[in-house]
């Protein structure tokens, strides 16, 4: 089995709130980016993007969403 035939068991997305509303998810180590208006819609779009990106039989078994948010408070 070559390195390129190795199946990734997990893919991680960094999820941030988009300035215009909704969410943007970017995969670490892969060229996958998607956006959605709600978390439920984001789940569907991330799954779809992952399945489109990888060849059949090479799709990671798990998708991890790491939510990052900025919070501003008064000093």
N, C-alpha and C. Protein backbone atom coordinates (compact mmCIF):
# COMPACT_ATOMS: atom_id res chain seq x y z
N UNK A 1 0.85 -1.18 0.00
CA UNK A 1 0.00 0.00 0.00
C UNK A 1 0.89 1.24 0.00
N UNK A 2 0.66 2.11 -0.96
CA UNK A 2 1.44 3.34 -1.02
C UNK A 2 0.82 4.39 -0.11
N UNK A 3 1.55 5.46 0.09
CA UNK A 3 1.05 6.55 0.93
C UNK A 3 -0.26 7.10 0.39
N UNK A 4 -0.41 7.18 -0.93
CA UNK A 4 -1.62 7.76 -1.53
C UNK A 4 -2.82 6.84 -1.43
N UNK A 5 -2.59 5.55 -1.17
CA UNK A 5 -3.69 4.60 -1.02
C UNK A 5 -4.21 4.54 0.41
N UNK A 6 -3.50 5.17 1.33
CA UNK A 6 -3.86 5.16 2.74
C UNK A 6 -5.17 5.90 2.96
N UNK A 7 -6.10 5.29 3.67
CA UNK A 7 -7.38 5.95 3.96
C UNK A 7 -7.24 6.76 5.24
N UNK A 8 -7.62 8.02 5.16
CA UNK A 8 -7.61 8.91 6.32
C UNK A 8 -8.78 8.53 7.20
N UNK A 9 -8.55 8.35 8.50
CA UNK A 9 -9.64 7.95 9.38
C UNK A 9 -10.42 9.16 9.90
N UNK A 10 -9.82 10.34 9.86
CA UNK A 10 -10.49 11.53 10.38
C UNK A 10 -10.03 12.76 9.61
N UNK A 11 -10.95 13.67 9.42
CA UNK A 11 -10.61 14.96 8.83
C UNK A 11 -11.14 16.03 9.77
N UNK A 12 -10.37 17.09 9.95
CA UNK A 12 -10.73 18.15 10.89
C UNK A 12 -11.01 19.43 10.13
N UNK A 13 -12.12 20.07 10.49
CA UNK A 13 -12.49 21.37 9.94
C UNK A 13 -12.45 22.41 11.04
N UNK A 14 -11.89 23.57 10.73
CA UNK A 14 -11.95 24.72 11.63
C UNK A 14 -13.16 25.53 11.18
N UNK A 15 -14.09 25.75 12.10
CA UNK A 15 -15.33 26.45 11.79
C UNK A 15 -15.33 27.80 12.49
N UNK A 16 -15.58 28.85 11.70
CA UNK A 16 -15.64 30.21 12.24
C UNK A 16 -16.95 30.86 11.81
N UNK A 17 -17.40 31.81 12.60
CA UNK A 17 -18.57 32.58 12.21
C UNK A 17 -18.15 33.52 11.09
N UNK A 18 -18.92 33.54 10.02
CA UNK A 18 -18.62 34.41 8.89
C UNK A 18 -19.08 35.83 9.21
N UNK A 19 -18.33 36.84 8.79
CA UNK A 19 -18.69 38.24 9.08
C UNK A 19 -20.09 38.61 8.56
N UNK A 20 -20.48 38.01 7.45
CA UNK A 20 -21.78 38.33 6.87
C UNK A 20 -22.90 37.45 7.45
N UNK A 21 -22.56 36.58 8.39
CA UNK A 21 -23.53 35.68 9.02
C UNK A 21 -23.27 34.25 8.60
N UNK A 22 -23.72 33.33 9.39
CA UNK A 22 -23.51 31.92 9.10
C UNK A 22 -22.12 31.47 9.52
N UNK A 23 -21.66 30.40 8.89
CA UNK A 23 -20.40 29.77 9.27
C UNK A 23 -19.56 29.43 8.04
N UNK A 24 -18.24 29.44 8.23
CA UNK A 24 -17.29 29.00 7.21
C UNK A 24 -16.48 27.86 7.82
N UNK A 25 -16.35 26.76 7.08
CA UNK A 25 -15.57 25.60 7.55
C UNK A 25 -14.44 25.34 6.58
N UNK A 26 -13.21 25.23 7.11
CA UNK A 26 -12.02 24.96 6.29
C UNK A 26 -11.33 23.71 6.83
N UNK A 27 -11.06 22.77 5.93
CA UNK A 27 -10.39 21.53 6.33
C UNK A 27 -8.90 21.78 6.55
N UNK A 28 -8.35 21.11 7.54
CA UNK A 28 -6.91 21.17 7.78
C UNK A 28 -6.24 20.12 6.90
N UNK A 29 -5.27 20.55 6.11
CA UNK A 29 -4.51 19.63 5.28
C UNK A 29 -5.16 19.22 3.97
N UNK A 30 -6.33 19.74 3.69
CA UNK A 30 -7.04 19.45 2.44
C UNK A 30 -7.60 20.76 1.89
N UNK A 31 -7.86 20.80 0.60
CA UNK A 31 -8.41 22.00 -0.03
C UNK A 31 -9.94 21.91 -0.06
N UNK A 32 -10.53 21.95 1.13
CA UNK A 32 -11.99 21.88 1.23
C UNK A 32 -12.47 23.06 2.06
N UNK A 33 -13.37 23.85 1.49
CA UNK A 33 -13.97 24.99 2.19
C UNK A 33 -15.45 24.99 1.86
N UNK A 34 -16.30 25.24 2.85
CA UNK A 34 -17.73 25.35 2.61
C UNK A 34 -18.33 26.34 3.58
N UNK A 35 -19.54 26.81 3.26
CA UNK A 35 -20.24 27.78 4.10
C UNK A 35 -21.67 27.33 4.29
N UNK A 36 -22.28 27.79 5.39
CA UNK A 36 -23.68 27.49 5.66
C UNK A 36 -24.26 28.54 6.61
N UNK A 37 -25.56 28.64 6.61
CA UNK A 37 -26.25 29.61 7.46
C UNK A 37 -26.51 29.09 8.87
N UNK A 38 -26.62 27.77 9.05
CA UNK A 38 -26.89 27.19 10.36
C UNK A 38 -25.95 26.01 10.60
N UNK A 39 -25.87 25.58 11.84
CA UNK A 39 -25.01 24.44 12.18
C UNK A 39 -25.54 23.17 11.52
N UNK A 40 -26.85 22.98 11.51
CA UNK A 40 -27.43 21.79 10.88
C UNK A 40 -27.10 21.76 9.38
N UNK A 41 -27.22 22.89 8.72
CA UNK A 41 -26.89 22.99 7.29
C UNK A 41 -25.39 22.78 7.09
N UNK A 42 -24.59 23.27 8.01
CA UNK A 42 -23.13 23.10 7.93
C UNK A 42 -22.77 21.62 7.96
N UNK A 43 -23.40 20.85 8.83
CA UNK A 43 -23.14 19.40 8.90
C UNK A 43 -23.36 18.76 7.54
N UNK A 44 -24.48 19.08 6.91
CA UNK A 44 -24.82 18.51 5.61
C UNK A 44 -23.81 18.94 4.54
N UNK A 45 -23.46 20.22 4.53
CA UNK A 45 -22.54 20.73 3.51
C UNK A 45 -21.12 20.20 3.68
N UNK A 46 -20.68 20.05 4.92
CA UNK A 46 -19.34 19.49 5.17
C UNK A 46 -19.29 18.04 4.70
N UNK A 47 -20.32 17.26 5.06
CA UNK A 47 -20.35 15.86 4.61
C UNK A 47 -20.30 15.78 3.08
N UNK A 48 -21.12 16.60 2.43
CA UNK A 48 -21.17 16.61 0.96
C UNK A 48 -19.81 16.99 0.37
N UNK A 49 -19.17 18.02 0.93
CA UNK A 49 -17.87 18.47 0.44
C UNK A 49 -16.81 17.38 0.60
N UNK A 50 -16.83 16.68 1.72
CA UNK A 50 -15.86 15.61 1.97
C UNK A 50 -16.07 14.47 0.97
N UNK A 51 -17.32 14.09 0.76
CA UNK A 51 -17.61 12.99 -0.17
C UNK A 51 -17.24 13.37 -1.61
N UNK A 52 -17.38 14.64 -1.96
CA UNK A 52 -16.99 15.09 -3.31
C UNK A 52 -15.48 15.15 -3.47
N UNK A 53 -14.77 15.46 -2.40
CA UNK A 53 -13.31 15.65 -2.45
C UNK A 53 -12.54 14.34 -2.57
N UNK A 54 -12.98 13.32 -1.84
CA UNK A 54 -12.26 12.05 -1.80
C UNK A 54 -12.86 11.04 -2.77
N UNK A 55 -12.00 10.18 -3.31
CA UNK A 55 -12.47 9.09 -4.15
C UNK A 55 -13.26 8.09 -3.31
N UNK A 56 -14.13 7.34 -3.97
CA UNK A 56 -14.93 6.33 -3.28
C UNK A 56 -13.99 5.33 -2.60
N UNK A 57 -14.29 5.00 -1.37
CA UNK A 57 -13.46 4.09 -0.60
C UNK A 57 -12.34 4.78 0.16
N UNK A 58 -12.13 6.08 -0.09
CA UNK A 58 -11.06 6.84 0.58
C UNK A 58 -11.63 7.92 1.52
N UNK A 59 -12.95 7.98 1.63
CA UNK A 59 -13.59 9.01 2.47
C UNK A 59 -13.28 8.73 3.94
N UNK A 60 -12.85 9.75 4.68
CA UNK A 60 -12.57 9.55 6.12
C UNK A 60 -13.83 9.05 6.84
N UNK A 61 -13.61 8.25 7.87
CA UNK A 61 -14.73 7.71 8.63
C UNK A 61 -15.33 8.73 9.58
N UNK A 62 -14.54 9.70 10.01
CA UNK A 62 -15.01 10.71 10.96
C UNK A 62 -14.68 12.10 10.46
N UNK A 63 -15.60 13.02 10.73
CA UNK A 63 -15.39 14.45 10.44
C UNK A 63 -15.48 15.18 11.77
N UNK A 64 -14.42 15.89 12.11
CA UNK A 64 -14.40 16.66 13.37
C UNK A 64 -14.53 18.14 13.03
N UNK A 65 -15.48 18.81 13.68
CA UNK A 65 -15.67 20.24 13.51
C UNK A 65 -15.14 20.94 14.75
N UNK A 66 -14.16 21.79 14.56
CA UNK A 66 -13.57 22.56 15.67
C UNK A 66 -14.07 23.99 15.54
N UNK A 67 -14.98 24.38 16.42
CA UNK A 67 -15.58 25.72 16.36
C UNK A 67 -14.68 26.72 17.08
N UNK A 68 -14.37 27.81 16.37
CA UNK A 68 -13.54 28.88 16.91
C UNK A 68 -14.41 30.13 16.90
N UNK A 69 -14.43 30.84 18.01
CA UNK A 69 -15.21 32.09 18.01
C UNK A 69 -14.46 33.16 18.78
N UNK A 70 -14.63 34.35 18.31
CA UNK A 70 -14.06 35.50 18.99
C UNK A 70 -15.16 36.12 19.84
N UNK A 71 -14.79 36.49 21.03
CA UNK A 71 -15.75 37.14 21.92
C UNK A 71 -15.12 38.44 22.41
N UNK A 72 -15.83 39.51 22.21
CA UNK A 72 -15.34 40.82 22.63
C UNK A 72 -16.17 41.28 23.82
N UNK A 73 -15.46 41.71 24.87
CA UNK A 73 -16.15 42.22 26.06
C UNK A 73 -15.61 43.60 26.39
N UNK A 74 -16.41 44.38 27.09
CA UNK A 74 -15.97 45.72 27.49
C UNK A 74 -14.85 45.60 28.53
N UNK A 75 -13.91 46.51 28.47
CA UNK A 75 -12.77 46.50 29.40
C UNK A 75 -13.16 47.04 30.75
